[in-house]
Amino acid sequence: MNRSVCLIIFSLLATNNTIAATNNPNTATNLGNVKGGDFKQARSIIASKCTTCHTKNKIDIALSAGKDMDRIQLEMEKRGAKLNTKEREVLGIYWKQTNPLRGK
């Protein structure tokens, strides 16, 4: 690849990372049951419902790897995890964030 193209790609990636880093990772808009755009409720659900069988670290690794968290959540419910409609909505929105772990 020629040097000019590499420089353009690098500049675009650097700009994208700068913009992403300035966004608050703990808030967002259009979050339904996530009150005030705050992910504390999602982390609370994870702490009370998910970590009874495995560590939070396992969830963080799956998120970081870009795994299909909706599919994983459905599988966990088949294995006995009990979530109500509101908890499913909160987690579904949380999983869809581009990187909910950013800024931990």
PDB file of N, CA and C in Angstrom:
ATOM      1  N   MET A   1       0.862  -1.159   0.000  1.00  0.00           N
ATOM      2  CA  MET A   1       0.000   0.000   0.000  1.00  0.00           C
ATOM      3  C   MET A   1       0.909   1.222   0.000  1.00  0.00           C
ATOM      4  N   ASN A   2       0.527   2.233  -0.766  1.00  0.00           N
ATOM      5  CA  ASN A   2       1.430   3.373  -0.804  1.00  0.00           C
ATOM      6  C   ASN A   2       1.327   4.199   0.478  1.00  0.00           C
ATOM      7  N   ARG A   3       2.336   4.976   0.722  1.00  0.00           N
ATOM      8  CA  ARG A   3       2.479   5.715   1.978  1.00  0.00           C
ATOM      9  C   ARG A   3       1.326   6.683   2.208  1.00  0.00           C
ATOM     10  N   SER A   4       0.841   7.346   1.176  1.00  0.00           N
ATOM     11  CA  SER A   4      -0.256   8.316   1.312  1.00  0.00           C
ATOM     12  C   SER A   4      -1.528   7.635   1.810  1.00  0.00           C
ATOM     13  N   VAL A   5      -1.821   6.477   1.246  1.00  0.00           N
ATOM     14  CA  VAL A   5      -3.011   5.740   1.661  1.00  0.00           C
ATOM     15  C   VAL A   5      -2.875   5.304   3.117  1.00  0.00           C
ATOM     16  N   CYS A   6      -1.695   4.821   3.485  1.00  0.00           N
ATOM     17  CA  CYS A   6      -1.457   4.414   4.873  1.00  0.00           C
ATOM     18  C   CYS A   6      -1.640   5.584   5.826  1.00  0.00           C
ATOM     19  N   LEU A   7      -1.135   6.747   5.467  1.00  0.00           N
ATOM     20  CA  LEU A   7      -1.272   7.925   6.322  1.00  0.00           C
ATOM     21  C   LEU A   7      -2.738   8.344   6.467  1.00  0.00           C
ATOM     22  N   ILE A   8      -3.489   8.263   5.405  1.00  0.00           N
ATOM     23  CA  ILE A   8      -4.913   8.614   5.464  1.00  0.00           C
ATOM     24  C   ILE A   8      -5.653   7.643   6.375  1.00  0.00           C
ATOM     25  N   ILE A   9      -5.401   6.364   6.211  1.00  0.00           N
ATOM     26  CA  ILE A   9      -6.058   5.357   7.045  1.00  0.00           C
ATOM     27  C   ILE A   9      -5.693   5.562   8.508  1.00  0.00           C
ATOM     28  N   PHE A  10      -4.404   5.783   8.784  1.00  0.00           N
ATOM     29  CA  PHE A  10      -3.960   6.005  10.155  1.00  0.00           C
ATOM     30  C   PHE A  10      -4.646   7.245  10.745  1.00  0.00           C
ATOM     31  N   SER A  11      -4.743   8.316   9.970  1.00  0.00           N
ATOM     32  CA  SER A  11      -5.388   9.547  10.450  1.00  0.00           C
ATOM     33  C   SER A  11      -6.852   9.314  10.777  1.00  0.00           C
ATOM     34  N   LEU A  12      -7.543   8.578   9.918  1.00  0.00           N
ATOM     35  CA  LEU A  12      -8.956   8.290  10.163  1.00  0.00           C
ATOM     36  C   LEU A  12      -9.133   7.444  11.416  1.00  0.00           C
ATOM     37  N   LEU A  13      -8.286   6.444  11.591  1.00  0.00           N
ATOM     38  CA  LEU A  13      -8.375   5.606  12.782  1.00  0.00           C
ATOM     39  C   LEU A  13      -8.066   6.407  14.035  1.00  0.00           C
ATOM     40  N   ALA A  14      -7.077   7.261  13.995  1.00  0.00           N
ATOM     41  CA  ALA A  14      -6.717   8.076  15.153  1.00  0.00           C
ATOM     42  C   ALA A  14      -7.843   9.028  15.507  1.00  0.00           C
ATOM     43  N   THR A  15      -8.473   9.638  14.499  1.00  0.00           N
ATOM     44  CA  THR A  15      -9.594  10.547  14.744  1.00  0.00           C
ATOM     45  C   THR A  15     -10.759   9.801  15.359  1.00  0.00           C
ATOM     46  N   ASN A  16     -11.071   8.624  14.827  1.00  0.00           N
ATOM     47  CA  ASN A  16     -12.163   7.818  15.354  1.00  0.00           C
ATOM     48  C   ASN A  16     -11.909   7.447  16.810  1.00  0.00           C
ATOM     49  N   ASN A  17     -10.687   7.050  17.145  1.00  0.00           N
ATOM     50  CA  ASN A  17     -10.355   6.686  18.522  1.00  0.00           C
ATOM     51  C   ASN A  17     -10.448   7.891  19.445  1.00  0.00           C
ATOM     52  N   THR A  18     -10.058   9.066  18.975  1.00  0.00           N
ATOM     53  CA  THR A  18     -10.149  10.274  19.794  1.00  0.00           C
ATOM     54  C   THR A  18     -11.602  10.607  20.083  1.00  0.00           C
ATOM     55  N   ILE A  19     -12.448  10.524  19.078  1.00  0.00           N
ATOM     56  CA  ILE A  19     -13.876  10.793  19.267  1.00  0.00           C
ATOM     57  C   ILE A  19     -14.471   9.777  20.224  1.00  0.00           C
ATOM     58  N   ALA A  20     -14.152   8.514  20.052  1.00  0.00           N
ATOM     59  CA  ALA A  20     -14.682   7.463  20.930  1.00  0.00           C
ATOM     60  C   ALA A  20     -14.229   7.671  22.364  1.00  0.00           C
ATOM     61  N   ALA A  21     -13.000   8.093  22.553  1.00  0.00           N
ATOM     62  CA  ALA A  21     -12.477   8.276  23.901  1.00  0.00           C
ATOM     63  C   ALA A  21     -13.128   9.440  24.627  1.00  0.00           C
ATOM     64  N   THR A  22     -13.656  10.422  23.882  1.00  0.00           N
ATOM     65  CA  THR A  22     -14.275  11.567  24.528  1.00  0.00           C
ATOM     66  C   THR A  22     -15.720  11.295  24.911  1.00  0.00           C
ATOM     67  N   ASN A  23     -16.333  10.265  24.364  1.00  0.00           N
ATOM     68  CA  ASN A  23     -17.694   9.906  24.731  1.00  0.00           C
ATOM     69  C   ASN A  23     -17.693   9.270  26.104  1.00  0.00           C
ATOM     70  N   ASN A  24     -18.697   9.562  26.903  1.00  0.00           N
ATOM     71  CA  ASN A  24     -18.794   8.982  28.231  1.00  0.00           C
ATOM     72  C   ASN A  24     -19.268   7.542  28.091  1.00  0.00           C
ATOM     73  N   PRO A  25     -18.483   6.555  28.502  1.00  0.00           N
ATOM     74  CA  PRO A  25     -18.840   5.158  28.297  1.00  0.00           C
ATOM     75  C   PRO A  25     -19.971   4.689  29.210  1.00  0.00           C
ATOM     76  N   ASN A  26     -20.292   5.471  30.218  1.00  0.00           N
ATOM     77  CA  ASN A  26     -21.311   5.044  31.169  1.00  0.00           C
ATOM     78  C   ASN A  26     -22.681   5.634  30.881  1.00  0.00           C
ATOM     79  N   THR A  27     -22.807   6.385  29.809  1.00  0.00           N
ATOM     80  CA  THR A  27     -24.094   6.974  29.476  1.00  0.00           C
ATOM     81  C   THR A  27     -24.356   6.852  27.987  1.00  0.00           C
ATOM     82  N   ALA A  28     -25.612   6.978  27.612  1.00  0.00           N
ATOM     83  CA  ALA A  28     -26.017   6.963  26.213  1.00  0.00           C
ATOM     84  C   ALA A  28     -27.436   7.508  26.143  1.00  0.00           C
ATOM     85  N   THR A  29     -27.975   7.603  24.942  1.00  0.00           N
ATOM     86  CA  THR A  29     -29.338   8.085  24.781  1.00  0.00           C
ATOM     87  C   THR A  29     -30.205   6.968  24.228  1.00  0.00           C
ATOM     88  N   ASN A  30     -31.522   7.166  24.236  1.00  0.00           N
ATOM     89  CA  ASN A  30     -32.468   6.209  23.689  1.00  0.00           C
ATOM     90  C   ASN A  30     -32.286   4.828  24.315  1.00  0.00           C
ATOM     91  N   LEU A  31     -32.354   4.777  25.654  1.00  0.00           N
ATOM     92  CA  LEU A  31     -32.045   3.546  26.352  1.00  0.00           C
ATOM     93  C   LEU A  31     -33.233   2.876  27.012  1.00  0.00           C
ATOM     94  N   GLY A  32     -34.446   3.257  26.682  1.00  0.00           N
ATOM     95  CA  GLY A  32     -35.602   2.576  27.244  1.00  0.00           C
ATOM     96  C   GLY A  32     -35.560   2.515  28.752  1.00  0.00           C
ATOM     97  N   ASN A  33     -35.490   1.317  29.317  1.00  0.00           N
ATOM     98  CA  ASN A  33     -35.509   1.130  30.764  1.00  0.00           C
ATOM     99  C   ASN A  33     -34.192   1.463  31.454  1.00  0.00           C
ATOM    100  N   VAL A  34     -33.176   1.854  30.713  1.00  0.00           N
ATOM    101  CA  VAL A  34     -31.933   2.269  31.354  1.00  0.00           C
ATOM    102  C   VAL A  34     -32.149   3.716  31.776  1.00  0.00           C
ATOM    103  N   LYS A  35     -32.481   3.915  33.029  1.00  0.00           N
ATOM    104  CA  LYS A  35     -32.880   5.221  33.544  1.00  0.00           C
ATOM    105  C   LYS A  35     -31.778   6.251  33.390  1.00  0.00           C
ATOM    106  N   GLY A  36     -32.123   7.385  32.792  1.00  0.00           N
ATOM    107  CA  GLY A  36     -31.192   8.490  32.661  1.00  0.00           C
ATOM    108  C   GLY A  36     -29.971   8.175  31.816  1.00  0.00           C
ATOM    109  N   GLY A  37     -30.029   7.137  31.018  1.00  0.00           N
ATOM    110  CA  GLY A  37     -28.889   6.782  30.185  1.00  0.00           C
ATOM    111  C   GLY A  37     -27.715   6.244  30.980  1.00  0.00           C
ATOM    112  N   ASP A  38     -27.971   5.690  32.145  1.00  0.00           N
ATOM    113  CA  ASP A  38     -26.906   5.235  33.041  1.00  0.00           C
ATOM    114  C   ASP A  38     -26.828   3.712  33.026  1.00  0.00           C
ATOM    115  N   PHE A  39     -25.610   3.180  32.902  1.00  0.00           N
ATOM    116  CA  PHE A  39     -25.444   1.731  32.834  1.00  0.00           C
ATOM    117  C   PHE A  39     -25.277   1.073  34.201  1.00  0.00           C
ATOM    118  N   LYS A  40     -25.400   1.824  35.283  1.00  0.00           N
ATOM    119  CA  LYS A  40     -25.291   1.220  36.615  1.00  0.00           C
ATOM    120  C   LYS A  40     -26.327   0.117  36.782  1.00  0.00           C
ATOM    121  N   GLN A  41     -27.513   0.332  36.230  1.00  0.00           N
ATOM    122  CA  GLN A  41     -28.575  -0.667  36.344  1.00  0.00           C
ATOM    123  C   GLN A  41     -28.173  -1.959  35.627  1.00  0.00           C
ATOM    124  N   ALA A  42     -27.553  -1.839  34.459  1.00  0.00           N
ATOM    125  CA  ALA A  42     -27.110  -3.036  33.734  1.00  0.00           C
ATOM    126  C   ALA A  42     -26.041  -3.766  34.528  1.00  0.00           C
ATOM    127  N   ARG A  43     -25.085  -3.017  35.077  1.00  0.00           N
ATOM    128  CA  ARG A  43     -24.034  -3.662  35.869  1.00  0.00           C
ATOM    129  C   ARG A  43     -24.602  -4.304  37.124  1.00  0.00           C
ATOM    130  N   SER A  44     -25.644  -3.702  37.686  1.00  0.00           N
ATOM    131  CA  SER A  44     -26.299  -4.276  38.863  1.00  0.00           C
ATOM    132  C   SER A  44     -26.975  -5.604  38.515  1.00  0.00           C
ATOM    133  N   ILE A  45     -27.630  -5.653  37.360  1.00  0.00           N
ATOM    134  CA  ILE A  45     -28.287  -6.882  36.905  1.00  0.00           C
ATOM    135  C   ILE A  45     -27.230  -7.965  36.685  1.00  0.00           C
ATOM    136  N   ILE A  46     -26.137  -7.602  36.045  1.00  0.00           N
ATOM    137  CA  ILE A  46     -25.059  -8.565  35.808  1.00  0.00           C
ATOM    138  C   ILE A  46     -24.541  -9.101  37.137  1.00  0.00           C
ATOM    139  N   ALA A  47     -24.328  -8.194  38.101  1.00  0.00           N
ATOM    140  CA  ALA A  47     -23.799  -8.610  39.404  1.00  0.00           C
ATOM    141  C   ALA A  47     -24.758  -9.541  40.138  1.00  0.00           C
ATOM    142  N   SER A  48     -26.070  -9.281  40.026  1.00  0.00           N
ATOM    143  CA  SER A  48     -27.020 -10.095  40.783  1.00  0.00           C
ATOM    144  C   SER A  48     -27.482 -11.352  40.049  1.00  0.00           C
ATOM    145  N   LYS A  49     -27.532 -11.317  38.727  1.00  0.00           N
ATOM    146  CA  LYS A  49     -28.098 -12.441  37.977  1.00  0.00           C
ATOM    147  C   LYS A  49     -27.062 -13.314  37.268  1.00  0.00           C
ATOM    148  N   CYS A  50     -25.970 -12.721  36.839  1.00  0.00           N
ATOM    149  CA  CYS A  50     -25.013 -13.461  36.007  1.00  0.00           C
ATOM    150  C   CYS A  50     -23.853 -14.035  36.803  1.00  0.00           C
ATOM    151  N   THR A  51     -23.415 -13.293  37.799  1.00  0.00           N
ATOM    152  CA  THR A  51     -22.217 -13.727  38.519  1.00  0.00           C
ATOM    153  C   THR A  51     -22.511 -14.775  39.584  1.00  0.00           C
ATOM    154  N   THR A  52     -23.736 -15.256  39.634  1.00  0.00           N
ATOM    155  CA  THR A  52     -24.030 -16.373  40.529  1.00  0.00           C
ATOM    156  C   THR A  52     -23.425 -17.673  39.986  1.00  0.00           C
ATOM    157  N   CYS A  53     -23.221 -17.724  38.668  1.00  0.00           N
ATOM    158  CA  CYS A  53     -22.656 -18.931  38.051  1.00  0.00           C
ATOM    159  C   CYS A  53     -21.226 -18.751  37.552  1.00  0.00           C
ATOM    160  N   HIS A  54     -20.840 -17.531  37.186  1.00  0.00           N
ATOM    161  CA  HIS A  54     -19.487 -17.289  36.690  1.00  0.00           C
ATOM    162  C   HIS A  54     -19.064 -15.866  37.028  1.00  0.00           C
ATOM    163  N   THR A  55     -17.816 -15.549  36.780  1.00  0.00           N
ATOM    164  CA  THR A  55     -17.288 -14.243  37.159  1.00  0.00           C
ATOM    165  C   THR A  55     -17.680 -13.156  36.170  1.00  0.00           C
ATOM    166  N   LYS A  56     -17.637 -11.928  36.639  1.00  0.00           N
ATOM    167  CA  LYS A  56     -17.863 -10.772  35.783  1.00  0.00           C
ATOM    168  C   LYS A  56     -16.767 -10.703  34.723  1.00  0.00           C
ATOM    169  N   ASN A  57     -15.586 -11.158  35.067  1.00  0.00           N
ATOM    170  CA  ASN A  57     -14.470 -11.163  34.130  1.00  0.00           C
ATOM    171  C   ASN A  57     -14.806 -11.962  32.871  1.00  0.00           C
ATOM    172  N   LYS A  58     -15.514 -13.057  33.019  1.00  0.00           N
ATOM    173  CA  LYS A  58     -15.904 -13.877  31.858  1.00  0.00           C
ATOM    174  C   LYS A  58     -16.810 -13.072  30.922  1.00  0.00           C
ATOM    175  N   ILE A  59     -17.709 -12.278  31.492  1.00  0.00           N
ATOM    176  CA  ILE A  59     -18.591 -11.424  30.691  1.00  0.00           C
ATOM    177  C   ILE A  59     -17.766 -10.337  30.011  1.00  0.00           C
ATOM    178  N   ASP A  60     -16.852  -9.720  30.759  1.00  0.00           N
ATOM    179  CA  ASP A  60     -16.002  -8.669  30.196  1.00  0.00           C
ATOM    180  C   ASP A  60     -15.180  -9.190  29.024  1.00  0.00           C
ATOM    181  N   ILE A  61     -14.670 -10.406  29.139  1.00  0.00           N
ATOM    182  CA  ILE A  61     -13.888 -11.007  28.057  1.00  0.00           C
ATOM    183  C   ILE A  61     -14.764 -11.220  26.822  1.00  0.00           C
ATOM    184  N   ALA A  62     -15.982 -11.709  27.022  1.00  0.00           N
ATOM    185  CA  ALA A  62     -16.903 -11.921  25.895  1.00  0.00           C
ATOM    186  C   ALA A  62     -17.248 -10.593  25.226  1.00  0.00           C
ATOM    187  N   LEU A  63     -17.508  -9.551  26.027  1.00  0.00           N
ATOM    188  CA  LEU A  63     -17.799  -8.226  25.471  1.00  0.00           C
ATOM    189  C   LEU A  63     -16.611  -7.704  24.669  1.00  0.00           C
ATOM    190  N   SER A  64     -15.429  -7.816  25.248  1.00  0.00           N
ATOM    191  CA  SER A  64     -14.221  -7.321  24.585  1.00  0.00           C
ATOM    192  C   SER A  64     -13.945  -8.063  23.285  1.00  0.00           C
ATOM    193  N   ALA A  65     -14.310  -9.328  23.236  1.00  0.00           N
ATOM    194  CA  ALA A  65     -14.086 -10.144  22.043  1.00  0.00           C
ATOM    195  C   ALA A  65     -15.166  -9.920  20.979  1.00  0.00           C
ATOM    196  N   GLY A  66     -16.174  -9.116  21.308  1.00  0.00           N
ATOM    197  CA  GLY A  66     -17.234  -8.846  20.332  1.00  0.00           C
ATOM    198  C   GLY A  66     -18.207  -9.996  20.161  1.00  0.00           C
ATOM    199  N   LYS A  67     -18.334 -10.834  21.163  1.00  0.00           N
ATOM    200  CA  LYS A  67     -19.260 -11.975  21.086  1.00  0.00           C
ATOM    201  C   LYS A  67     -20.708 -11.482  21.003  1.00  0.00           C
ATOM    202  N   ASP A  68     -21.576 -12.317  20.484  1.00  0.00           N
ATOM    203  CA  ASP A  68     -23.005 -12.009  20.367  1.00  0.00           C
ATOM    204  C   ASP A  68     -23.647 -12.186  21.747  1.00  0.00           C
ATOM    205  N   MET A  69     -23.714 -11.092  22.499  1.00  0.00           N
ATOM    206  CA  MET A  69     -24.185 -11.162  23.872  1.00  0.00           C
ATOM    207  C   MET A  69     -25.675 -11.490  23.957  1.00  0.00           C
ATOM    208  N   ASP A  70     -26.453 -11.078  22.975  1.00  0.00           N
ATOM    209  CA  ASP A  70     -27.876 -11.442  22.966  1.00  0.00           C
ATOM    210  C   ASP A  70     -28.030 -12.960  22.883  1.00  0.00           C
ATOM    211  N   ARG A  71     -27.254 -13.579  22.015  1.00  0.00           N
ATOM    212  CA  ARG A  71     -27.300 -15.035  21.867  1.00  0.00           C
ATOM    213  C   ARG A  71     -26.829 -15.711  23.154  1.00  0.00           C
ATOM    214  N   ILE A  72     -25.758 -15.190  23.727  1.00  0.00           N
ATOM    215  CA  ILE A  72     -25.236 -15.755  24.977  1.00  0.00           C
ATOM    216  C   ILE A  72     -26.271 -15.610  26.085  1.00  0.00           C
ATOM    217  N   GLN A  73     -26.912 -14.456  26.154  1.00  0.00           N
ATOM    218  CA  GLN A  73     -27.941 -14.235  27.176  1.00  0.00           C
ATOM    219  C   GLN A  73     -29.076 -15.240  27.022  1.00  0.00           C
ATOM    220  N   LEU A  74     -29.540 -15.472  25.805  1.00  0.00           N
ATOM    221  CA  LEU A  74     -30.603 -16.462  25.577  1.00  0.00           C
ATOM    222  C   LEU A  74     -30.158 -17.855  26.025  1.00  0.00           C
ATOM    223  N   GLU A  75     -28.914 -18.191  25.732  1.00  0.00           N
ATOM    224  CA  GLU A  75     -28.381 -19.497  26.151  1.00  0.00           C
ATOM    225  C   GLU A  75     -28.353 -19.601  27.677  1.00  0.00           C
ATOM    226  N   MET A  76     -27.962 -18.522  28.334  1.00  0.00           N
ATOM    227  CA  MET A  76     -27.908 -18.532  29.803  1.00  0.00           C
ATOM    228  C   MET A  76     -29.321 -18.656  30.392  1.00  0.00           C
ATOM    229  N   GLU A  77     -30.287 -18.047  29.739  1.00  0.00           N
ATOM    230  CA  GLU A  77     -31.670 -18.184  30.208  1.00  0.00           C
ATOM    231  C   GLU A  77     -32.159 -19.619  30.035  1.00  0.00           C
ATOM    232  N   LYS A  78     -31.753 -20.275  28.962  1.00  0.00           N
ATOM    233  CA  LYS A  78     -32.101 -21.687  28.780  1.00  0.00           C
ATOM    234  C   LYS A  78     -31.485 -22.547  29.870  1.00  0.00           C
ATOM    235  N   ARG A  79     -30.332 -22.098  30.387  1.00  0.00           N
ATOM    236  CA  ARG A  79     -29.635 -22.844  31.440  1.00  0.00           C
ATOM    237  C   ARG A  79     -30.122 -22.478  32.842  1.00  0.00           C
ATOM    238  N   GLY A  80     -31.101 -21.574  32.922  1.00  0.00           N
ATOM    239  CA  GLY A  80     -31.682 -21.288  34.228  1.00  0.00           C
ATOM    240  C   GLY A  80     -31.600 -19.862  34.720  1.00  0.00           C
ATOM    241  N   ALA A  81     -30.924 -18.966  34.015  1.00  0.00           N
ATOM    242  CA  ALA A  81     -30.889 -17.564  34.434  1.00  0.00           C
ATOM    243  C   ALA A  81     -32.302 -16.994  34.332  1.00  0.00           C
ATOM    244  N   LYS A  82     -32.737 -16.317  35.376  1.00  0.00           N
ATOM    245  CA  LYS A  82     -34.088 -15.743  35.412  1.00  0.00           C
ATOM    246  C   LYS A  82     -34.003 -14.237  35.230  1.00  0.00           C
ATOM    247  N   LEU A  83     -34.527 -13.739  34.097  1.00  0.00           N
ATOM    248  CA  LEU A  83     -34.570 -12.306  33.819  1.00  0.00           C
ATOM    249  C   LEU A  83     -35.999 -11.904  33.504  1.00  0.00           C
ATOM    250  N   ASN A  84     -36.425 -10.765  34.054  1.00  0.00           N
ATOM    251  CA  ASN A  84     -37.743 -10.262  33.692  1.00  0.00           C
ATOM    252  C   ASN A  84     -37.621  -9.396  32.437  1.00  0.00           C
ATOM    253  N   THR A  85     -38.730  -8.921  31.934  1.00  0.00           N
ATOM    254  CA  THR A  85     -38.749  -8.148  30.686  1.00  0.00           C
ATOM    255  C   THR A  85     -37.883  -6.900  30.789  1.00  0.00           C
ATOM    256  N   LYS A  86     -37.990  -6.180  31.897  1.00  0.00           N
ATOM    257  CA  LYS A  86     -37.209  -4.953  32.075  1.00  0.00           C
ATOM    258  C   LYS A  86     -35.716  -5.266  32.094  1.00  0.00           C
ATOM    259  N   GLU A  87     -35.314  -6.320  32.782  1.00  0.00           N
ATOM    260  CA  GLU A  87     -33.898  -6.697  32.833  1.00  0.00           C
ATOM    261  C   GLU A  87     -33.383  -7.085  31.449  1.00  0.00           C
ATOM    262  N   ARG A  88     -34.201  -7.787  30.672  1.00  0.00           N
ATOM    263  CA  ARG A  88     -33.807  -8.149  29.306  1.00  0.00           C
ATOM    264  C   ARG A  88     -33.597  -6.901  28.459  1.00  0.00           C
ATOM    265  N   GLU A  89     -34.499  -5.924  28.606  1.00  0.00           N
ATOM    266  CA  GLU A  89     -34.391  -4.692  27.832  1.00  0.00           C
ATOM    267  C   GLU A  89     -33.116  -3.930  28.219  1.00  0.00           C
ATOM    268  N   VAL A  90     -32.868  -3.789  29.514  1.00  0.00           N
ATOM    269  CA  VAL A  90     -31.680  -3.073  29.984  1.00  0.00           C
ATOM    270  C   VAL A  90     -30.412  -3.745  29.458  1.00  0.00           C
ATOM    271  N   LEU A  91     -30.314  -5.057  29.612  1.00  0.00           N
ATOM    272  CA  LEU A  91     -29.129  -5.766  29.144  1.00  0.00           C
ATOM    273  C   LEU A  91     -29.010  -5.730  27.623  1.00  0.00           C
ATOM    274  N   GLY A  92     -30.131  -5.848  26.921  1.00  0.00           N
ATOM    275  CA  GLY A  92     -30.101  -5.801  25.460  1.00  0.00           C
ATOM    276  C   GLY A  92     -29.532  -4.488  24.952  1.00  0.00           C
ATOM    277  N   ILE A  93     -29.919  -3.395  25.595  1.00  0.00           N
ATOM    278  CA  ILE A  93     -29.386  -2.083  25.213  1.00  0.00           C
ATOM    279  C   ILE A  93     -27.911  -2.005  25.574  1.00  0.00           C
ATOM    280  N   TYR A  94     -27.560  -2.496  26.745  1.00  0.00           N
ATOM    281  CA  TYR A  94     -26.161  -2.477  27.200  1.00  0.00           C
ATOM    282  C   TYR A  94     -25.272  -3.263  26.240  1.00  0.00           C
ATOM    283  N   TRP A  95     -25.717  -4.449  25.827  1.00  0.00           N
ATOM    284  CA  TRP A  95     -24.907  -5.273  24.917  1.00  0.00           C
ATOM    285  C   TRP A  95     -24.676  -4.562  23.594  1.00  0.00           C
ATOM    286  N   LYS A  96     -25.641  -3.783  23.140  1.00  0.00           N
ATOM    287  CA  LYS A  96     -25.552  -3.164  21.820  1.00  0.00           C
ATOM    288  C   LYS A  96     -24.657  -1.927  21.780  1.00  0.00           C
ATOM    289  N   GLN A  97     -24.231  -1.426  22.918  1.00  0.00           N
ATOM    290  CA  GLN A  97     -23.327  -0.273  22.924  1.00  0.00           C
ATOM    291  C   GLN A  97     -22.026  -0.679  22.238  1.00  0.00           C
ATOM    292  N   THR A  98     -21.403   0.251  21.555  1.00  0.00           N
ATOM    293  CA  THR A  98     -20.208  -0.092  20.774  1.00  0.00           C
ATOM    294  C   THR A  98     -19.109  -0.692  21.628  1.00  0.00           C
ATOM    295  N   ASN A  99     -18.967  -0.216  22.847  1.00  0.00           N
ATOM    296  CA  ASN A  99     -17.982  -0.808  23.750  1.00  0.00           C
ATOM    297  C   ASN A  99     -18.328  -0.395  25.180  1.00  0.00           C
ATOM    298  N   PRO A 100     -19.219  -1.122  25.833  1.00  0.00           N
ATOM    299  CA  PRO A 100     -19.607  -0.728  27.175  1.00  0.00           C
ATOM    300  C   PRO A 100     -18.492  -0.835  28.208  1.00  0.00           C
ATOM    301  N   LEU A 101     -17.395  -1.478  27.867  1.00  0.00           N
ATOM    302  CA  LEU A 101     -16.289  -1.623  28.816  1.00  0.00           C
ATOM    303  C   LEU A 101     -15.319  -0.449  28.756  1.00  0.00           C
ATOM    304  N   ARG A 102     -15.396   0.366  27.684  1.00  0.00           N
ATOM    305  CA  ARG A 102     -14.468   1.474  27.516  1.00  0.00           C
ATOM    306  C   ARG A 102     -14.526   2.375  28.748  1.00  0.00           C
ATOM    307  N   GLY A 103     -13.388   2.781  29.242  1.00  0.00           N
ATOM    308  CA  GLY A 103     -13.336   3.720  30.338  1.00  0.00           C
ATOM    309  C   GLY A 103     -13.547   3.102  31.707  1.00  0.00           C
ATOM    310  N   LYS A 104     -13.478   1.786  31.810  1.00  0.00           N
ATOM    311  CA  LYS A 104     -13.653   1.126  33.103  1.00  0.00           C
ATOM    312  C   LYS A 104     -12.604   1.564  34.080  1.00  0.00           C
TER     313      LYS A 104
END
